[in-house]
Amino acid sequence: MTRRDFLGFFLLGGLLGLLGKKISGKKINAGKEQKGKEAMFWRKADEA
């Protein structure tokens, strides 16, 4: 394996790692928003 191959794999791994973090971050945020919406819904349901 040459230095160039290693660099290519390293960059590819870094990009995939960043993409993975972004995707998991979005999923976590979406989960929090969903819980917030559910809480609002139940508050409105209780008031009605």
PDB file of N, CA and C in Angstrom:
ATOM      1  N   MET A   1       0.851  -1.190   0.000  1.00  0.00           N
ATOM      2  CA  MET A   1       0.000   0.000   0.000  1.00  0.00           C
ATOM      3  C   MET A   1       0.893   1.247   0.000  1.00  0.00           C
ATOM      4  N   THR A   2       0.645   2.119  -0.913  1.00  0.00           N
ATOM      5  CA  THR A   2       1.469   3.326  -1.007  1.00  0.00           C
ATOM      6  C   THR A   2       0.928   4.417  -0.093  1.00  0.00           C
ATOM      7  N   ARG A   3       1.727   5.443   0.043  1.00  0.00           N
ATOM      8  CA  ARG A   3       1.313   6.569   0.882  1.00  0.00           C
ATOM      9  C   ARG A   3       0.053   7.215   0.311  1.00  0.00           C
ATOM     10  N   ARG A   4      -0.034   7.249  -1.022  1.00  0.00           N
ATOM     11  CA  ARG A   4      -1.189   7.863  -1.678  1.00  0.00           C
ATOM     12  C   ARG A   4      -2.467   7.067  -1.382  1.00  0.00           C
ATOM     13  N   ASP A   5      -2.365   5.733  -1.430  1.00  0.00           N
ATOM     14  CA  ASP A   5      -3.523   4.887  -1.100  1.00  0.00           C
ATOM     15  C   ASP A   5      -3.974   5.159   0.329  1.00  0.00           C
ATOM     16  N   PHE A   6      -2.993   5.215   1.231  1.00  0.00           N
ATOM     17  CA  PHE A   6      -3.309   5.444   2.637  1.00  0.00           C
ATOM     18  C   PHE A   6      -4.031   6.777   2.818  1.00  0.00           C
ATOM     19  N   LEU A   7      -3.525   7.815   2.149  1.00  0.00           N
ATOM     20  CA  LEU A   7      -4.129   9.145   2.246  1.00  0.00           C
ATOM     21  C   LEU A   7      -5.567   9.120   1.727  1.00  0.00           C
ATOM     22  N   GLY A   8      -5.786   8.407   0.626  1.00  0.00           N
ATOM     23  CA  GLY A   8      -7.133   8.292   0.061  1.00  0.00           C
ATOM     24  C   GLY A   8      -8.098   7.641   1.037  1.00  0.00           C
ATOM     25  N   PHE A   9      -7.643   6.528   1.643  1.00  0.00           N
ATOM     26  CA  PHE A   9      -8.508   5.839   2.612  1.00  0.00           C
ATOM     27  C   PHE A   9      -8.766   6.719   3.831  1.00  0.00           C
ATOM     28  N   PHE A  10      -7.724   7.426   4.247  1.00  0.00           N
ATOM     29  CA  PHE A  10      -7.842   8.295   5.416  1.00  0.00           C
ATOM     30  C   PHE A  10      -8.883   9.391   5.179  1.00  0.00           C
ATOM     31  N   LEU A  11      -8.796  10.030   3.995  1.00  0.00           N
ATOM     32  CA  LEU A  11      -9.758  11.089   3.667  1.00  0.00           C
ATOM     33  C   LEU A  11     -11.168  10.524   3.538  1.00  0.00           C
ATOM     34  N   LEU A  12     -11.284   9.379   2.892  1.00  0.00           N
ATOM     35  CA  LEU A  12     -12.590   8.749   2.711  1.00  0.00           C
ATOM     36  C   LEU A  12     -13.200   8.411   4.074  1.00  0.00           C
ATOM     37  N   GLY A  13     -12.390   7.851   4.959  1.00  0.00           N
ATOM     38  CA  GLY A  13     -12.862   7.517   6.302  1.00  0.00           C
ATOM     39  C   GLY A  13     -13.302   8.758   7.066  1.00  0.00           C
ATOM     40  N   GLY A  14     -12.534   9.838   6.916  1.00  0.00           N
ATOM     41  CA  GLY A  14     -12.882  11.083   7.600  1.00  0.00           C
ATOM     42  C   GLY A  14     -14.210  11.641   7.113  1.00  0.00           C
ATOM     43  N   LEU A  15     -14.412  11.602   5.791  1.00  0.00           N
ATOM     44  CA  LEU A  15     -15.671  12.100   5.220  1.00  0.00           C
ATOM     45  C   LEU A  15     -16.846  11.255   5.699  1.00  0.00           C
ATOM     46  N   LEU A  16     -16.668   9.947   5.673  1.00  0.00           N
ATOM     47  CA  LEU A  16     -17.750   9.062   6.117  1.00  0.00           C
ATOM     48  C   LEU A  16     -18.047   9.292   7.593  1.00  0.00           C
ATOM     49  N   GLY A  17     -17.016   9.510   8.385  1.00  0.00           N
ATOM     50  CA  GLY A  17     -17.203   9.773   9.808  1.00  0.00           C
ATOM     51  C   GLY A  17     -17.996  11.052  10.033  1.00  0.00           C
ATOM     52  N   LEU A  18     -17.648  12.101   9.286  1.00  0.00           N
ATOM     53  CA  LEU A  18     -18.366  13.372   9.424  1.00  0.00           C
ATOM     54  C   LEU A  18     -19.817  13.232   8.994  1.00  0.00           C
ATOM     55  N   LEU A  19     -20.030  12.529   7.886  1.00  0.00           N
ATOM     56  CA  LEU A  19     -21.400  12.315   7.410  1.00  0.00           C
ATOM     57  C   LEU A  19     -22.202  11.553   8.453  1.00  0.00           C
ATOM     58  N   GLY A  20     -21.592  10.526   9.031  1.00  0.00           N
ATOM     59  CA  GLY A  20     -22.269   9.728  10.051  1.00  0.00           C
ATOM     60  C   GLY A  20     -22.662  10.579  11.244  1.00  0.00           C
ATOM     61  N   LYS A  21     -21.760  11.463  11.665  1.00  0.00           N
ATOM     62  CA  LYS A  21     -22.059  12.331  12.806  1.00  0.00           C
ATOM     63  C   LYS A  21     -23.200  13.281  12.482  1.00  0.00           C
ATOM     64  N   LYS A  22     -23.184  13.847  11.261  1.00  0.00           N
ATOM     65  CA  LYS A  22     -24.249  14.779  10.867  1.00  0.00           C
ATOM     66  C   LYS A  22     -25.599  14.081  10.861  1.00  0.00           C
ATOM     67  N   ILE A  23     -25.629  12.870  10.295  1.00  0.00           N
ATOM     68  CA  ILE A  23     -26.886  12.129  10.191  1.00  0.00           C
ATOM     69  C   ILE A  23     -27.395  11.771  11.584  1.00  0.00           C
ATOM     70  N   SER A  24     -26.501  11.260  12.448  1.00  0.00           N
ATOM     71  CA  SER A  24     -26.940  10.887  13.789  1.00  0.00           C
ATOM     72  C   SER A  24     -27.359  12.133  14.564  1.00  0.00           C
ATOM     73  N   GLY A  25     -26.698  13.255  14.333  1.00  0.00           N
ATOM     74  CA  GLY A  25     -27.080  14.505  14.993  1.00  0.00           C
ATOM     75  C   GLY A  25     -28.463  14.939  14.579  1.00  0.00           C
ATOM     76  N   LYS A  26     -28.773  14.825  13.301  1.00  0.00           N
ATOM     77  CA  LYS A  26     -30.099  15.196  12.815  1.00  0.00           C
ATOM     78  C   LYS A  26     -31.157  14.294  13.423  1.00  0.00           C
ATOM     79  N   LYS A  27     -30.866  13.009  13.529  1.00  0.00           N
ATOM     80  CA  LYS A  27     -31.836  12.068  14.100  1.00  0.00           C
ATOM     81  C   LYS A  27     -32.110  12.409  15.557  1.00  0.00           C
ATOM     82  N   ILE A  28     -31.068  12.762  16.297  1.00  0.00           N
ATOM     83  CA  ILE A  28     -31.241  13.106  17.709  1.00  0.00           C
ATOM     84  C   ILE A  28     -32.093  14.369  17.838  1.00  0.00           C
ATOM     85  N   ASN A  29     -31.786  15.387  17.027  1.00  0.00           N
ATOM     86  CA  ASN A  29     -32.561  16.630  17.070  1.00  0.00           C
ATOM     87  C   ASN A  29     -34.012  16.382  16.685  1.00  0.00           C
ATOM     88  N   ALA A  30     -34.232  15.550  15.675  1.00  0.00           N
ATOM     89  CA  ALA A  30     -35.591  15.247  15.238  1.00  0.00           C
ATOM     90  C   ALA A  30     -36.348  14.569  16.375  1.00  0.00           C
ATOM     91  N   GLY A  31     -35.674  13.703  17.110  1.00  0.00           N
ATOM     92  CA  GLY A  31     -36.311  13.017  18.234  1.00  0.00           C
ATOM     93  C   GLY A  31     -36.726  14.004  19.312  1.00  0.00           C
ATOM     94  N   LYS A  32     -35.875  14.981  19.595  1.00  0.00           N
ATOM     95  CA  LYS A  32     -36.204  15.985  20.610  1.00  0.00           C
ATOM     96  C   LYS A  32     -37.399  16.819  20.166  1.00  0.00           C
ATOM     97  N   GLU A  33     -37.410  17.208  18.893  1.00  0.00           N
ATOM     98  CA  GLU A  33     -38.524  18.004  18.372  1.00  0.00           C
ATOM     99  C   GLU A  33     -39.823  17.219  18.469  1.00  0.00           C
ATOM    100  N   GLN A  34     -39.757  15.951  18.133  1.00  0.00           N
ATOM    101  CA  GLN A  34     -40.948  15.108  18.163  1.00  0.00           C
ATOM    102  C   GLN A  34     -41.501  15.043  19.585  1.00  0.00           C
ATOM    103  N   LYS A  35     -40.626  14.867  20.565  1.00  0.00           N
ATOM    104  CA  LYS A  35     -41.074  14.808  21.958  1.00  0.00           C
ATOM    105  C   LYS A  35     -41.705  16.133  22.366  1.00  0.00           C
ATOM    106  N   GLY A  36     -41.126  17.239  21.911  1.00  0.00           N
ATOM    107  CA  GLY A  36     -41.676  18.554  22.216  1.00  0.00           C
ATOM    108  C   GLY A  36     -43.066  18.707  21.641  1.00  0.00           C
ATOM    109  N   LYS A  37     -43.252  18.251  20.418  1.00  0.00           N
ATOM    110  CA  LYS A  37     -44.566  18.334  19.777  1.00  0.00           C
ATOM    111  C   LYS A  37     -45.574  17.480  20.537  1.00  0.00           C
ATOM    112  N   GLU A  38     -45.150  16.305  20.953  1.00  0.00           N
ATOM    113  CA  GLU A  38     -46.061  15.431  21.706  1.00  0.00           C
ATOM    114  C   GLU A  38     -46.457  16.091  23.021  1.00  0.00           C
ATOM    115  N   ALA A  39     -45.504  16.717  23.687  1.00  0.00           N
ATOM    116  CA  ALA A  39     -45.798  17.383  24.957  1.00  0.00           C
ATOM    117  C   ALA A  39     -46.804  18.511  24.737  1.00  0.00           C
ATOM    118  N   MET A  40     -46.616  19.293  23.673  1.00  0.00           N
ATOM    119  CA  MET A  40     -47.553  20.374  23.356  1.00  0.00           C
ATOM    120  C   MET A  40     -48.941  19.806  23.076  1.00  0.00           C
ATOM    121  N   PHE A  41     -48.975  18.716  22.341  1.00  0.00           N
ATOM    122  CA  PHE A  41     -50.255  18.094  22.003  1.00  0.00           C
ATOM    123  C   PHE A  41     -50.988  17.674  23.270  1.00  0.00           C
ATOM    124  N   TRP A  42     -50.266  17.042  24.202  1.00  0.00           N
ATOM    125  CA  TRP A  42     -50.923  16.570  25.417  1.00  0.00           C
ATOM    126  C   TRP A  42     -51.371  17.741  26.283  1.00  0.00           C
ATOM    127  N   ARG A  43     -50.610  18.836  26.300  1.00  0.00           N
ATOM    128  CA  ARG A  43     -51.027  20.010  27.060  1.00  0.00           C
ATOM    129  C   ARG A  43     -52.326  20.568  26.504  1.00  0.00           C
ATOM    130  N   LYS A  44     -52.397  20.673  25.179  1.00  0.00           N
ATOM    131  CA  LYS A  44     -53.615  21.177  24.539  1.00  0.00           C
ATOM    132  C   LYS A  44     -54.773  20.227  24.798  1.00  0.00           C
ATOM    133  N   ALA A  45     -54.509  18.939  24.767  1.00  0.00           N
ATOM    134  CA  ALA A  45     -55.557  17.944  24.992  1.00  0.00           C
ATOM    135  C   ALA A  45     -56.079  18.050  26.425  1.00  0.00           C
ATOM    136  N   ASP A  46     -55.171  18.309  27.374  1.00  0.00           N
ATOM    137  CA  ASP A  46     -55.586  18.439  28.775  1.00  0.00           C
ATOM    138  C   ASP A  46     -56.439  19.688  28.984  1.00  0.00           C
ATOM    139  N   GLU A  47     -56.105  20.779  28.304  1.00  0.00           N
ATOM    140  CA  GLU A  47     -56.853  22.029  28.454  1.00  0.00           C
ATOM    141  C   GLU A  47     -58.255  21.918  27.868  1.00  0.00           C
ATOM    142  N   ALA A  48     -58.396  21.152  26.813  1.00  0.00           N
ATOM    143  CA  ALA A  48     -59.681  21.057  26.100  1.00  0.00           C
ATOM    144  C   ALA A  48     -60.718  20.308  26.921  1.00  0.00           C
TER     145      ALA A  48
END
